[in-house]
C-alpha cells in the first residue's frame, strides 16, 4: 500500500510561508527553509516593537509638551504636577496635540495648571 503524504496540506503550508515572505530579498523569499527562519524572526520583531512603539510615542509626547511648556516659561514637570494637584484628567497625548496644533489653548492649560 502506498504511503500517504497529504500533499494538499503541505503545499498550502509552504504557500502560506512563502506568501508571508513576499517582498523579502533573494533566498529569503524563494527558499522555504530560509523564508521560515526570517518570518519567525520578523514576527518576533513585530511583537517586540508593538510594545516599544507605546514607549516611543510617550517619549515623543513628553518632548513636545516640554518644548511648548518652555515657550510658556515653565517646565514639563511643573505642568504635570499642577494638573495632578488640580485632578485634571488630561493625558499626554492630548496635551502634546494641543501644544502642536493650538498654542493658545495650551497656554490656557498652562495658566490653569500653575494657578
PDB file of N, CA and C in Angstrom:
ATOM      1  N   UNK A   1       0.842  -1.180   0.000  1.00  0.00           N
ATOM      2  CA  UNK A   1       0.000   0.000   0.000  1.00  0.00           C
ATOM      3  C   UNK A   1       0.893   1.251   0.000  1.00  0.00           C
ATOM      4  N   UNK A   2       0.606   2.197  -0.880  1.00  0.00           N
ATOM      5  CA  UNK A   2       1.467   3.376  -0.967  1.00  0.00           C
ATOM      6  C   UNK A   2       1.330   4.286   0.250  1.00  0.00           C
ATOM      7  N   UNK A   3       2.408   5.007   0.510  1.00  0.00           N
ATOM      8  CA  UNK A   3       2.435   5.917   1.661  1.00  0.00           C
ATOM      9  C   UNK A   3       1.649   7.184   1.326  1.00  0.00           C
ATOM     10  N   UNK A   4       0.846   7.639   2.280  1.00  0.00           N
ATOM     11  CA  UNK A   4       0.059   8.856   2.090  1.00  0.00           C
ATOM     12  C   UNK A   4       0.894  10.061   2.535  1.00  0.00           C
ATOM     13  N   UNK A   5       0.930  11.107   1.695  1.00  0.00           N
ATOM     14  CA  UNK A   5       1.774  12.254   2.003  1.00  0.00           C
ATOM     15  C   UNK A   5       0.991  13.532   2.319  1.00  0.00           C
ATOM     16  N   UNK A   6      -0.303  13.533   2.051  1.00  0.00           N
ATOM     17  CA  UNK A   6      -1.147  14.707   2.271  1.00  0.00           C
ATOM     18  C   UNK A   6      -0.552  15.941   1.594  1.00  0.00           C
ATOM     19  N   UNK A   7      -0.417  15.828   0.306  1.00  0.00           N
ATOM     20  CA  UNK A   7       0.237  16.883  -0.475  1.00  0.00           C
ATOM     21  C   UNK A   7      -0.518  18.204  -0.390  1.00  0.00           C
ATOM     22  N   UNK A   8      -1.820  18.164  -0.302  1.00  0.00           N
ATOM     23  CA  UNK A   8      -2.609  19.399  -0.287  1.00  0.00           C
ATOM     24  C   UNK A   8      -2.240  20.255   0.917  1.00  0.00           C
ATOM     25  N   UNK A   9      -2.193  19.654   2.093  1.00  0.00           N
ATOM     26  CA  UNK A   9      -1.909  20.409   3.308  1.00  0.00           C
ATOM     27  C   UNK A   9      -0.474  20.926   3.304  1.00  0.00           C
ATOM     28  N   UNK A  10       0.472  20.081   2.886  1.00  0.00           N
ATOM     29  CA  UNK A  10       1.864  20.525   2.896  1.00  0.00           C
ATOM     30  C   UNK A  10       2.085  21.621   1.859  1.00  0.00           C
ATOM     31  N   UNK A  11       1.414  21.534   0.728  1.00  0.00           N
ATOM     32  CA  UNK A  11       1.531  22.575  -0.295  1.00  0.00           C
ATOM     33  C   UNK A  11       0.965  23.900   0.223  1.00  0.00           C
ATOM     34  N   UNK A  12      -0.178  23.826   0.889  1.00  0.00           N
ATOM     35  CA  UNK A  12      -0.764  25.046   1.458  1.00  0.00           C
ATOM     36  C   UNK A  12       0.142  25.673   2.502  1.00  0.00           C
ATOM     37  N   UNK A  13       0.767  24.826   3.310  1.00  0.00           N
ATOM     38  CA  UNK A  13       1.668  25.324   4.353  1.00  0.00           C
ATOM     39  C   UNK A  13       2.861  26.052   3.724  1.00  0.00           C
ATOM     40  N   UNK A  14       3.471  25.434   2.711  1.00  0.00           N
ATOM     41  CA  UNK A  14       4.594  26.073   2.024  1.00  0.00           C
ATOM     42  C   UNK A  14       4.157  27.374   1.354  1.00  0.00           C
ATOM     43  N   UNK A  15       2.995  27.336   0.730  1.00  0.00           N
ATOM     44  CA  UNK A  15       2.489  28.516   0.027  1.00  0.00           C
ATOM     45  C   UNK A  15       2.236  29.658   1.008  1.00  0.00           C
ATOM     46  N   UNK A  16       1.692  29.334   2.178  1.00  0.00           N
ATOM     47  CA  UNK A  16       1.425  30.359   3.200  1.00  0.00           C
ATOM     48  C   UNK A  16       2.727  31.004   3.678  1.00  0.00           C
ATOM     49  N   UNK A  17       3.735  30.181   3.914  1.00  0.00           N
ATOM     50  CA  UNK A  17       5.022  30.703   4.386  1.00  0.00           C
ATOM     51  C   UNK A  17       5.667  31.580   3.324  1.00  0.00           C
ATOM     52  N   UNK A  18       5.661  31.123   2.078  1.00  0.00           N
ATOM     53  CA  UNK A  18       6.295  31.916   1.016  1.00  0.00           C
ATOM     54  C   UNK A  18       5.504  33.188   0.714  1.00  0.00           C
ATOM     55  N   UNK A  19       4.194  33.151   0.902  1.00  0.00           N
ATOM     56  CA  UNK A  19       3.433  34.391   0.681  1.00  0.00           C
ATOM     57  C   UNK A  19       3.687  35.391   1.808  1.00  0.00           C
ATOM     58  N   UNK A  20       3.947  34.901   3.023  1.00  0.00           N
ATOM     59  CA  UNK A  20       4.313  35.803   4.116  1.00  0.00           C
ATOM     60  C   UNK A  20       5.677  36.426   3.878  1.00  0.00           C
ATOM     61  N   UNK A  21       6.546  35.708   3.141  1.00  0.00           N
ATOM     62  CA  UNK A  21       7.900  36.192   2.878  1.00  0.00           C
ATOM     63  C   UNK A  21       7.964  37.056   1.621  1.00  0.00           C
ATOM     64  N   UNK A  22       6.828  37.350   1.025  1.00  0.00           N
ATOM     65  CA  UNK A  22       6.814  38.164  -0.187  1.00  0.00           C
ATOM     66  C   UNK A  22       7.420  39.531   0.100  1.00  0.00           C
ATOM     67  N   UNK A  23       8.309  39.966  -0.773  1.00  0.00           N
ATOM     68  CA  UNK A  23       8.967  41.248  -0.579  1.00  0.00           C
ATOM     69  C   UNK A  23      10.331  41.127   0.072  1.00  0.00           C
ATOM     70  N   UNK A  24      10.649  39.966   0.631  1.00  0.00           N
ATOM     71  CA  UNK A  24      11.977  39.766   1.189  1.00  0.00           C
ATOM     72  C   UNK A  24      12.968  39.619   0.037  1.00  0.00           C
ATOM     73  N   UNK A  25      14.246  39.840   0.319  1.00  0.00           N
ATOM     74  CA  UNK A  25      15.271  39.857  -0.712  1.00  0.00           C
ATOM     75  C   UNK A  25      15.874  38.473  -0.918  1.00  0.00           C
ATOM     76  N   UNK A  26      16.055  38.109  -2.161  1.00  0.00           N
ATOM     77  CA  UNK A  26      16.784  36.891  -2.517  1.00  0.00           C
ATOM     78  C   UNK A  26      16.144  35.615  -2.017  1.00  0.00           C
ATOM     79  N   UNK A  27      16.976  34.737  -1.443  1.00  0.00           N
ATOM     80  CA  UNK A  27      16.513  33.426  -0.996  1.00  0.00           C
ATOM     81  C   UNK A  27      15.508  33.532   0.135  1.00  0.00           C
ATOM     82  N   UNK A  28      15.491  34.669   0.826  1.00  0.00           N
ATOM     83  CA  UNK A  28      14.540  34.841   1.926  1.00  0.00           C
ATOM     84  C   UNK A  28      13.097  34.763   1.445  1.00  0.00           C
ATOM     85  N   UNK A  29      12.865  35.062   0.174  1.00  0.00           N
ATOM     86  CA  UNK A  29      11.503  34.987  -0.338  1.00  0.00           C
ATOM     87  C   UNK A  29      11.282  33.788  -1.246  1.00  0.00           C
ATOM     88  N   UNK A  30      12.343  33.014  -1.546  1.00  0.00           N
ATOM     89  CA  UNK A  30      12.219  31.923  -2.512  1.00  0.00           C
ATOM     90  C   UNK A  30      12.400  30.529  -1.903  1.00  0.00           C
ATOM     91  N   UNK A  31      13.311  30.400  -0.948  1.00  0.00           N
ATOM     92  CA  UNK A  31      13.662  29.094  -0.383  1.00  0.00           C
ATOM     93  C   UNK A  31      12.893  28.897   0.920  1.00  0.00           C
ATOM     94  N   UNK A  32      12.199  27.773   1.018  1.00  0.00           N
ATOM     95  CA  UNK A  32      11.289  27.560   2.136  1.00  0.00           C
ATOM     96  C   UNK A  32      11.982  27.618   3.490  1.00  0.00           C
ATOM     97  N   UNK A  33      13.098  26.903   3.652  1.00  0.00           N
ATOM     98  CA  UNK A  33      13.728  26.848   4.970  1.00  0.00           C
ATOM     99  C   UNK A  33      14.275  28.211   5.373  1.00  0.00           C
ATOM    100  N   UNK A  34      14.839  28.957   4.428  1.00  0.00           N
ATOM    101  CA  UNK A  34      15.366  30.290   4.720  1.00  0.00           C
ATOM    102  C   UNK A  34      14.205  31.236   5.044  1.00  0.00           C
ATOM    103  N   UNK A  35      13.145  31.150   4.267  1.00  0.00           N
ATOM    104  CA  UNK A  35      11.978  32.010   4.485  1.00  0.00           C
ATOM    105  C   UNK A  35      11.364  31.761   5.855  1.00  0.00           C
ATOM    106  N   UNK A  36      11.311  30.491   6.263  1.00  0.00           N
ATOM    107  CA  UNK A  36      10.745  30.147   7.573  1.00  0.00           C
ATOM    108  C   UNK A  36      11.481  30.863   8.693  1.00  0.00           C
ATOM    109  N   UNK A  37      12.808  30.836   8.653  1.00  0.00           N
ATOM    110  CA  UNK A  37      13.612  31.469   9.702  1.00  0.00           C
ATOM    111  C   UNK A  37      13.394  32.977   9.728  1.00  0.00           C
ATOM    112  N   UNK A  38      13.339  33.586   8.563  1.00  0.00           N
ATOM    113  CA  UNK A  38      13.205  35.040   8.519  1.00  0.00           C
ATOM    114  C   UNK A  38      11.795  35.499   8.885  1.00  0.00           C
ATOM    115  N   UNK A  39      10.798  34.686   8.581  1.00  0.00           N
ATOM    116  CA  UNK A  39       9.437  35.029   9.006  1.00  0.00           C
ATOM    117  C   UNK A  39       9.326  34.946  10.522  1.00  0.00           C
ATOM    118  N   UNK A  40       9.901  33.876  11.108  1.00  0.00           N
ATOM    119  CA  UNK A  40       9.874  33.747  12.568  1.00  0.00           C
ATOM    120  C   UNK A  40      10.541  34.940  13.231  1.00  0.00           C
ATOM    121  N   UNK A  41      11.707  35.332  12.728  1.00  0.00           N
ATOM    122  CA  UNK A  41      12.432  36.461  13.303  1.00  0.00           C
ATOM    123  C   UNK A  41      11.643  37.759  13.099  1.00  0.00           C
ATOM    124  N   UNK A  42      11.025  37.903  11.936  1.00  0.00           N
ATOM    125  CA  UNK A  42      10.233  39.093  11.671  1.00  0.00           C
ATOM    126  C   UNK A  42       9.034  39.202  12.597  1.00  0.00           C
ATOM    127  N   UNK A  43       8.403  38.077  12.880  1.00  0.00           N
ATOM    128  CA  UNK A  43       7.260  38.087  13.797  1.00  0.00           C
ATOM    129  C   UNK A  43       7.702  38.402  15.219  1.00  0.00           C
ATOM    130  N   UNK A  44       8.899  37.947  15.598  1.00  0.00           N
ATOM    131  CA  UNK A  44       9.439  38.302  16.914  1.00  0.00           C
ATOM    132  C   UNK A  44       9.659  39.805  17.022  1.00  0.00           C
ATOM    133  N   UNK A  45      10.222  40.390  15.968  1.00  0.00           N
ATOM    134  CA  UNK A  45      10.445  41.839  15.962  1.00  0.00           C
ATOM    135  C   UNK A  45       9.114  42.590  16.009  1.00  0.00           C
ATOM    136  N   UNK A  46       8.136  42.102  15.271  1.00  0.00           N
ATOM    137  CA  UNK A  46       6.833  42.765  15.243  1.00  0.00           C
ATOM    138  C   UNK A  46       6.195  42.753  16.630  1.00  0.00           C
ATOM    139  N   UNK A  47       6.277  41.622  17.322  1.00  0.00           N
ATOM    140  CA  UNK A  47       5.706  41.518  18.664  1.00  0.00           C
ATOM    141  C   UNK A  47       6.415  42.474  19.616  1.00  0.00           C
ATOM    142  N   UNK A  48       7.749  42.465  19.571  1.00  0.00           N
ATOM    143  CA  UNK A  48       8.541  43.328  20.462  1.00  0.00           C
ATOM    144  C   UNK A  48       8.254  44.799  20.183  1.00  0.00           C
ATOM    145  N   UNK A  49       8.192  45.159  18.910  1.00  0.00           N
ATOM    146  CA  UNK A  49       8.073  46.571  18.562  1.00  0.00           C
ATOM    147  C   UNK A  49       6.668  47.117  18.759  1.00  0.00           C
ATOM    148  N   UNK A  50       5.673  46.246  18.842  1.00  0.00           N
ATOM    149  CA  UNK A  50       4.344  46.750  19.221  1.00  0.00           C
ATOM    150  C   UNK A  50       4.383  47.294  20.642  1.00  0.00           C
ATOM    151  N   UNK A  51       5.197  46.681  21.494  1.00  0.00           N
ATOM    152  CA  UNK A  51       5.359  47.189  22.861  1.00  0.00           C
ATOM    153  C   UNK A  51       6.227  48.450  22.863  1.00  0.00           C
ATOM    154  N   UNK A  52       7.298  48.429  22.079  1.00  0.00           N
ATOM    155  CA  UNK A  52       8.239  49.548  22.051  1.00  0.00           C
ATOM    156  C   UNK A  52       7.586  50.808  21.503  1.00  0.00           C
ATOM    157  N   UNK A  53       6.660  50.650  20.572  1.00  0.00           N
ATOM    158  CA  UNK A  53       6.006  51.805  19.948  1.00  0.00           C
ATOM    159  C   UNK A  53       5.293  52.663  20.988  1.00  0.00           C
ATOM    160  N   UNK A  54       4.690  52.024  21.975  1.00  0.00           N
ATOM    161  CA  UNK A  54       3.977  52.764  23.019  1.00  0.00           C
ATOM    162  C   UNK A  54       4.947  53.628  23.821  1.00  0.00           C
ATOM    163  N   UNK A  55       6.125  53.071  24.141  1.00  0.00           N
ATOM    164  CA  UNK A  55       7.147  53.833  24.865  1.00  0.00           C
ATOM    165  C   UNK A  55       7.652  54.994  24.038  1.00  0.00           C
ATOM    166  N   UNK A  56       7.886  54.730  22.762  1.00  0.00           N
ATOM    167  CA  UNK A  56       8.444  55.757  21.883  1.00  0.00           C
ATOM    168  C   UNK A  56       7.486  56.932  21.739  1.00  0.00           C
ATOM    169  N   UNK A  57       6.202  56.648  21.581  1.00  0.00           N
ATOM    170  CA  UNK A  57       5.231  57.729  21.442  1.00  0.00           C
ATOM    171  C   UNK A  57       5.099  58.519  22.729  1.00  0.00           C
ATOM    172  N   UNK A  58       5.137  57.849  23.859  1.00  0.00           N
ATOM    173  CA  UNK A  58       5.069  58.576  25.132  1.00  0.00           C
ATOM    174  C   UNK A  58       6.260  59.530  25.259  1.00  0.00           C
ATOM    175  N   UNK A  59       7.452  59.076  24.881  1.00  0.00           N
ATOM    176  CA  UNK A  59       8.633  59.945  24.912  1.00  0.00           C
ATOM    177  C   UNK A  59       8.444  61.149  23.996  1.00  0.00           C
ATOM    178  N   UNK A  60       7.901  60.909  22.807  1.00  0.00           N
ATOM    179  CA  UNK A  60       7.673  61.996  21.860  1.00  0.00           C
ATOM    180  C   UNK A  60       6.703  63.024  22.430  1.00  0.00           C
ATOM    181  N   UNK A  61       5.609  62.538  23.042  1.00  0.00           N
ATOM    182  CA  UNK A  61       4.624  63.466  23.619  1.00  0.00           C
ATOM    183  C   UNK A  61       5.254  64.299  24.721  1.00  0.00           C
ATOM    184  N   UNK A  62       6.076  63.681  25.554  1.00  0.00           N
ATOM    185  CA  UNK A  62       6.716  64.404  26.662  1.00  0.00           C
ATOM    186  C   UNK A  62       7.649  65.476  26.118  1.00  0.00           C
ATOM    187  N   UNK A  63       8.408  65.149  25.070  1.00  0.00           N
ATOM    188  CA  UNK A  63       9.314  66.136  24.471  1.00  0.00           C
ATOM    189  C   UNK A  63       8.522  67.318  23.917  1.00  0.00           C
ATOM    190  N   UNK A  64       7.412  67.046  23.249  1.00  0.00           N
ATOM    191  CA  UNK A  64       6.603  68.127  22.677  1.00  0.00           C
ATOM    192  C   UNK A  64       5.986  69.005  23.766  1.00  0.00           C
ATOM    193  N   UNK A  65       5.492  68.376  24.815  1.00  0.00           N
ATOM    194  CA  UNK A  65       4.894  69.149  25.916  1.00  0.00           C
ATOM    195  C   UNK A  65       5.957  70.012  26.580  1.00  0.00           C
ATOM    196  N   UNK A  66       7.133  69.452  26.801  1.00  0.00           N
ATOM    197  CA  UNK A  66       8.205  70.191  27.450  1.00  0.00           C
ATOM    198  C   UNK A  66       8.644  71.383  26.601  1.00  0.00           C
ATOM    199  N   UNK A  67       8.747  71.199  25.283  1.00  0.00           N
ATOM    200  CA  UNK A  67       9.157  72.292  24.401  1.00  0.00           C
ATOM    201  C   UNK A  67       8.133  73.426  24.446  1.00  0.00           C
ATOM    202  N   UNK A  68       6.849  73.060  24.391  1.00  0.00           N
ATOM    203  CA  UNK A  68       5.803  74.081  24.447  1.00  0.00           C
ATOM    204  C   UNK A  68       5.742  74.725  25.825  1.00  0.00           C
ATOM    205  N   UNK A  69       6.004  73.956  26.863  1.00  0.00           N
ATOM    206  CA  UNK A  69       5.990  74.497  28.222  1.00  0.00           C
ATOM    207  C   UNK A  69       7.087  75.542  28.390  1.00  0.00           C
ATOM    208  N   UNK A  70       8.248  75.271  27.850  1.00  0.00           N
ATOM    209  CA  UNK A  70       9.353  76.218  27.967  1.00  0.00           C
ATOM    210  C   UNK A  70       9.081  77.499  27.189  1.00  0.00           C
ATOM    211  N   UNK A  71       8.307  77.398  26.108  1.00  0.00           N
ATOM    212  CA  UNK A  71       7.882  78.610  25.402  1.00  0.00           C
ATOM    213  C   UNK A  71       6.941  79.448  26.270  1.00  0.00           C
ATOM    214  N   UNK A  72       6.247  78.771  27.195  1.00  0.00           N
ATOM    215  CA  UNK A  72       5.335  79.456  28.107  1.00  0.00           C
ATOM    216  C   UNK A  72       5.983  79.760  29.460  1.00  0.00           C
ATOM    217  N   UNK A  73       7.293  79.584  29.562  1.00  0.00           N
ATOM    218  CA  UNK A  73       8.027  79.976  30.753  1.00  0.00           C
ATOM    219  C   UNK A  73       7.964  79.018  31.925  1.00  0.00           C
ATOM    220  N   UNK A  74       7.734  77.752  31.658  1.00  0.00           N
ATOM    221  CA  UNK A  74       7.705  76.756  32.734  1.00  0.00           C
ATOM    222  C   UNK A  74       8.327  75.461  32.214  1.00  0.00           C
ATOM    223  N   UNK A  75       8.177  74.386  32.970  1.00  0.00           N
ATOM    224  CA  UNK A  75       8.723  73.101  32.550  1.00  0.00           C
ATOM    225  C   UNK A  75       7.626  72.040  32.512  1.00  0.00           C
ATOM    226  N   UNK A  76       7.985  70.925  31.893  1.00  0.00           N
ATOM    227  CA  UNK A  76       7.061  69.792  31.779  1.00  0.00           C
ATOM    228  C   UNK A  76       6.615  69.310  33.155  1.00  0.00           C
ATOM    229  N   UNK A  77       7.572  69.138  34.060  1.00  0.00           N
ATOM    230  CA  UNK A  77       7.243  68.550  35.360  1.00  0.00           C
ATOM    231  C   UNK A  77       6.319  69.462  36.162  1.00  0.00           C
ATOM    232  N   UNK A  78       6.498  70.770  36.043  1.00  0.00           N
ATOM    233  CA  UNK A  78       5.611  71.697  36.762  1.00  0.00           C
ATOM    234  C   UNK A  78       4.184  71.631  36.226  1.00  0.00           C
ATOM    235  N   UNK A  79       4.047  71.513  34.907  1.00  0.00           N
ATOM    236  CA  UNK A  79       2.697  71.408  34.318  1.00  0.00           C
ATOM    237  C   UNK A  79       2.016  70.130  34.773  1.00  0.00           C
ATOM    238  N   UNK A  80       2.698  69.002  34.665  1.00  0.00           N
ATOM    239  CA  UNK A  80       2.111  67.709  35.046  1.00  0.00           C
ATOM    240  C   UNK A  80       1.769  67.706  36.533  1.00  0.00           C
ATOM    241  N   UNK A  81       2.660  68.249  37.348  1.00  0.00           N
ATOM    242  CA  UNK A  81       2.399  68.321  38.782  1.00  0.00           C
ATOM    243  C   UNK A  81       1.175  69.189  39.071  1.00  0.00           C
ATOM    244  N   UNK A  82       1.089  70.338  38.423  1.00  0.00           N
ATOM    245  CA  UNK A  82      -0.056  71.227  38.620  1.00  0.00           C
ATOM    246  C   UNK A  82      -1.365  70.592  38.193  1.00  0.00           C
ATOM    247  N   UNK A  83      -1.350  69.879  37.051  1.00  0.00           N
ATOM    248  CA  UNK A  83      -2.567  69.206  36.580  1.00  0.00           C
ATOM    249  C   UNK A  83      -2.976  68.080  37.521  1.00  0.00           C
ATOM    250  N   UNK A  84      -1.995  67.360  38.064  1.00  0.00           N
ATOM    251  CA  UNK A  84      -2.312  66.282  39.005  1.00  0.00           C
ATOM    252  C   UNK A  84      -2.894  66.841  40.302  1.00  0.00           C
ATOM    253  N   UNK A  85      -2.375  67.970  40.782  1.00  0.00           N
ATOM    254  CA  UNK A  85      -2.904  68.578  42.006  1.00  0.00           C
ATOM    255  C   UNK A  85      -4.331  69.072  41.818  1.00  0.00           C
ATOM    256  N   UNK A  86      -4.629  69.573  40.612  1.00  0.00           N
ATOM    257  CA  UNK A  86      -5.987  70.046  40.312  1.00  0.00           C
ATOM    258  C   UNK A  86      -6.912  68.901  39.899  1.00  0.00           C
ATOM    259  N   UNK A  87      -6.347  67.682  39.824  1.00  0.00           N
ATOM    260  CA  UNK A  87      -7.089  66.475  39.449  1.00  0.00           C
ATOM    261  C   UNK A  87      -7.724  66.598  38.064  1.00  0.00           C
ATOM    262  N   UNK A  88      -6.948  67.108  37.121  1.00  0.00           N
ATOM    263  CA  UNK A  88      -7.390  67.214  35.729  1.00  0.00           C
ATOM    264  C   UNK A  88      -6.975  65.937  35.007  1.00  0.00           C
ATOM    265  N   UNK A  89      -7.922  65.287  34.364  1.00  0.00           N
ATOM    266  CA  UNK A  89      -7.654  64.004  33.712  1.00  0.00           C
ATOM    267  C   UNK A  89      -7.311  64.145  32.241  1.00  0.00           C
ATOM    268  N   UNK A  90      -6.394  65.033  31.905  1.00  0.00           N
ATOM    269  CA  UNK A  90      -5.983  65.193  30.506  1.00  0.00           C
ATOM    270  C   UNK A  90      -4.660  64.462  30.314  1.00  0.00           C
ATOM    271  N   UNK A  91      -4.595  63.616  29.292  1.00  0.00           N
ATOM    272  CA  UNK A  91      -3.401  62.779  29.137  1.00  0.00           C
ATOM    273  C   UNK A  91      -2.342  63.446  28.263  1.00  0.00           C
ATOM    274  N   UNK A  92      -1.191  62.831  28.195  1.00  0.00           N
ATOM    275  CA  UNK A  92      -0.048  63.417  27.497  1.00  0.00           C
ATOM    276  C   UNK A  92      -0.264  63.493  26.001  1.00  0.00           C
ATOM    277  N   UNK A  93      -0.996  62.539  25.449  1.00  0.00           N
ATOM    278  CA  UNK A  93      -1.259  62.552  24.010  1.00  0.00           C
ATOM    279  C   UNK A  93      -2.047  63.798  23.631  1.00  0.00           C
ATOM    280  N   UNK A  94      -3.085  64.106  24.391  1.00  0.00           N
ATOM    281  CA  UNK A  94      -3.918  65.277  24.110  1.00  0.00           C
ATOM    282  C   UNK A  94      -3.135  66.560  24.370  1.00  0.00           C
ATOM    283  N   UNK A  95      -2.360  66.593  25.458  1.00  0.00           N
ATOM    284  CA  UNK A  95      -1.546  67.776  25.741  1.00  0.00           C
ATOM    285  C   UNK A  95      -0.547  68.041  24.615  1.00  0.00           C
ATOM    286  N   UNK A  96       0.083  67.005  24.119  1.00  0.00           N
ATOM    287  CA  UNK A  96       1.054  67.170  23.038  1.00  0.00           C
ATOM    288  C   UNK A  96       0.367  67.663  21.771  1.00  0.00           C
ATOM    289  N   UNK A  97      -0.827  67.143  21.493  1.00  0.00           N
ATOM    290  CA  UNK A  97      -1.574  67.593  20.319  1.00  0.00           C
ATOM    291  C   UNK A  97      -1.949  69.064  20.458  1.00  0.00           C
ATOM    292  N   UNK A  98      -2.382  69.460  21.651  1.00  0.00           N
ATOM    293  CA  UNK A  98      -2.675  70.880  21.898  1.00  0.00           C
ATOM    294  C   UNK A  98      -1.432  71.740  21.716  1.00  0.00           C
ATOM    295  N   UNK A  99      -0.317  71.270  22.219  1.00  0.00           N
ATOM    296  CA  UNK A  99       0.929  72.035  22.134  1.00  0.00           C
ATOM    297  C   UNK A  99       1.327  72.272  20.688  1.00  0.00           C
ATOM    298  N   UNK A 100       1.096  71.301  19.833  1.00  0.00           N
ATOM    299  CA  UNK A 100       1.499  71.422  18.433  1.00  0.00           C
ATOM    300  C   UNK A 100       0.468  72.196  17.617  1.00  0.00           C
ATOM    301  N   UNK A 101      -0.809  71.871  17.794  1.00  0.00           N
ATOM    302  CA  UNK A 101      -1.824  72.414  16.892  1.00  0.00           C
ATOM    303  C   UNK A 101      -2.499  73.684  17.396  1.00  0.00           C
ATOM    304  N   UNK A 102      -2.567  73.886  18.711  1.00  0.00           N
ATOM    305  CA  UNK A 102      -3.309  75.036  19.236  1.00  0.00           C
ATOM    306  C   UNK A 102      -2.538  75.621  20.422  1.00  0.00           C
ATOM    307  N   UNK A 103      -1.605  76.506  20.120  1.00  0.00           N
ATOM    308  CA  UNK A 103      -0.720  77.055  21.153  1.00  0.00           C
ATOM    309  C   UNK A 103      -1.485  77.899  22.170  1.00  0.00           C
ATOM    310  N   UNK A 104      -2.535  78.596  21.721  1.00  0.00           N
ATOM    311  CA  UNK A 104      -3.302  79.441  22.640  1.00  0.00           C
ATOM    312  C   UNK A 104      -4.018  78.595  23.689  1.00  0.00           C
ATOM    313  N   UNK A 105      -4.620  77.485  23.264  1.00  0.00           N
ATOM    314  CA  UNK A 105      -5.310  76.603  24.202  1.00  0.00           C
ATOM    315  C   UNK A 105      -4.307  75.968  25.174  1.00  0.00           C
ATOM    316  N   UNK A 106      -3.129  75.616  24.674  1.00  0.00           N
ATOM    317  CA  UNK A 106      -2.101  75.047  25.547  1.00  0.00           C
ATOM    318  C   UNK A 106      -1.659  76.073  26.587  1.00  0.00           C
ATOM    319  N   UNK A 107      -1.551  77.332  26.169  1.00  0.00           N
ATOM    320  CA  UNK A 107      -1.174  78.390  27.108  1.00  0.00           C
ATOM    321  C   UNK A 107      -2.217  78.536  28.215  1.00  0.00           C
ATOM    322  N   UNK A 108      -3.493  78.373  27.868  1.00  0.00           N
ATOM    323  CA  UNK A 108      -4.567  78.426  28.871  1.00  0.00           C
ATOM    324  C   UNK A 108      -4.449  77.260  29.857  1.00  0.00           C
ATOM    325  N   UNK A 109      -4.125  76.087  29.336  1.00  0.00           N
ATOM    326  CA  UNK A 109      -3.952  74.910  30.191  1.00  0.00           C
ATOM    327  C   UNK A 109      -2.784  75.145  31.150  1.00  0.00           C
ATOM    328  N   UNK A 110      -1.700  75.720  30.638  1.00  0.00           N
ATOM    329  CA  UNK A 110      -0.521  76.006  31.466  1.00  0.00           C
ATOM    330  C   UNK A 110      -0.888  76.996  32.560  1.00  0.00           C
ATOM    331  N   UNK A 111      -1.607  78.043  32.180  1.00  0.00           N
ATOM    332  CA  UNK A 111      -2.003  79.066  33.155  1.00  0.00           C
ATOM    333  C   UNK A 111      -2.897  78.459  34.255  1.00  0.00           C
ATOM    334  N   UNK A 112      -3.808  77.572  33.831  1.00  0.00           N
ATOM    335  CA  UNK A 112      -4.698  76.912  34.796  1.00  0.00           C
ATOM    336  C   UNK A 112      -3.905  75.992  35.728  1.00  0.00           C
ATOM    337  N   UNK A 113      -2.951  75.245  35.148  1.00  0.00           N
ATOM    338  CA  UNK A 113      -2.176  74.279  35.950  1.00  0.00           C
ATOM    339  C   UNK A 113      -1.293  74.983  36.976  1.00  0.00           C
ATOM    340  N   UNK A 114      -0.796  76.162  36.633  1.00  0.00           N
ATOM    341  CA  UNK A 114       0.138  76.868  37.526  1.00  0.00           C
ATOM    342  C   UNK A 114      -0.558  77.820  38.482  1.00  0.00           C
ATOM    343  N   UNK A 115      -1.850  78.059  38.300  1.00  0.00           N
ATOM    344  CA  UNK A 115      -2.548  78.985  39.196  1.00  0.00           C
ATOM    345  C   UNK A 115      -2.960  78.339  40.497  1.00  0.00           C
TER     346      UNK A 115
END
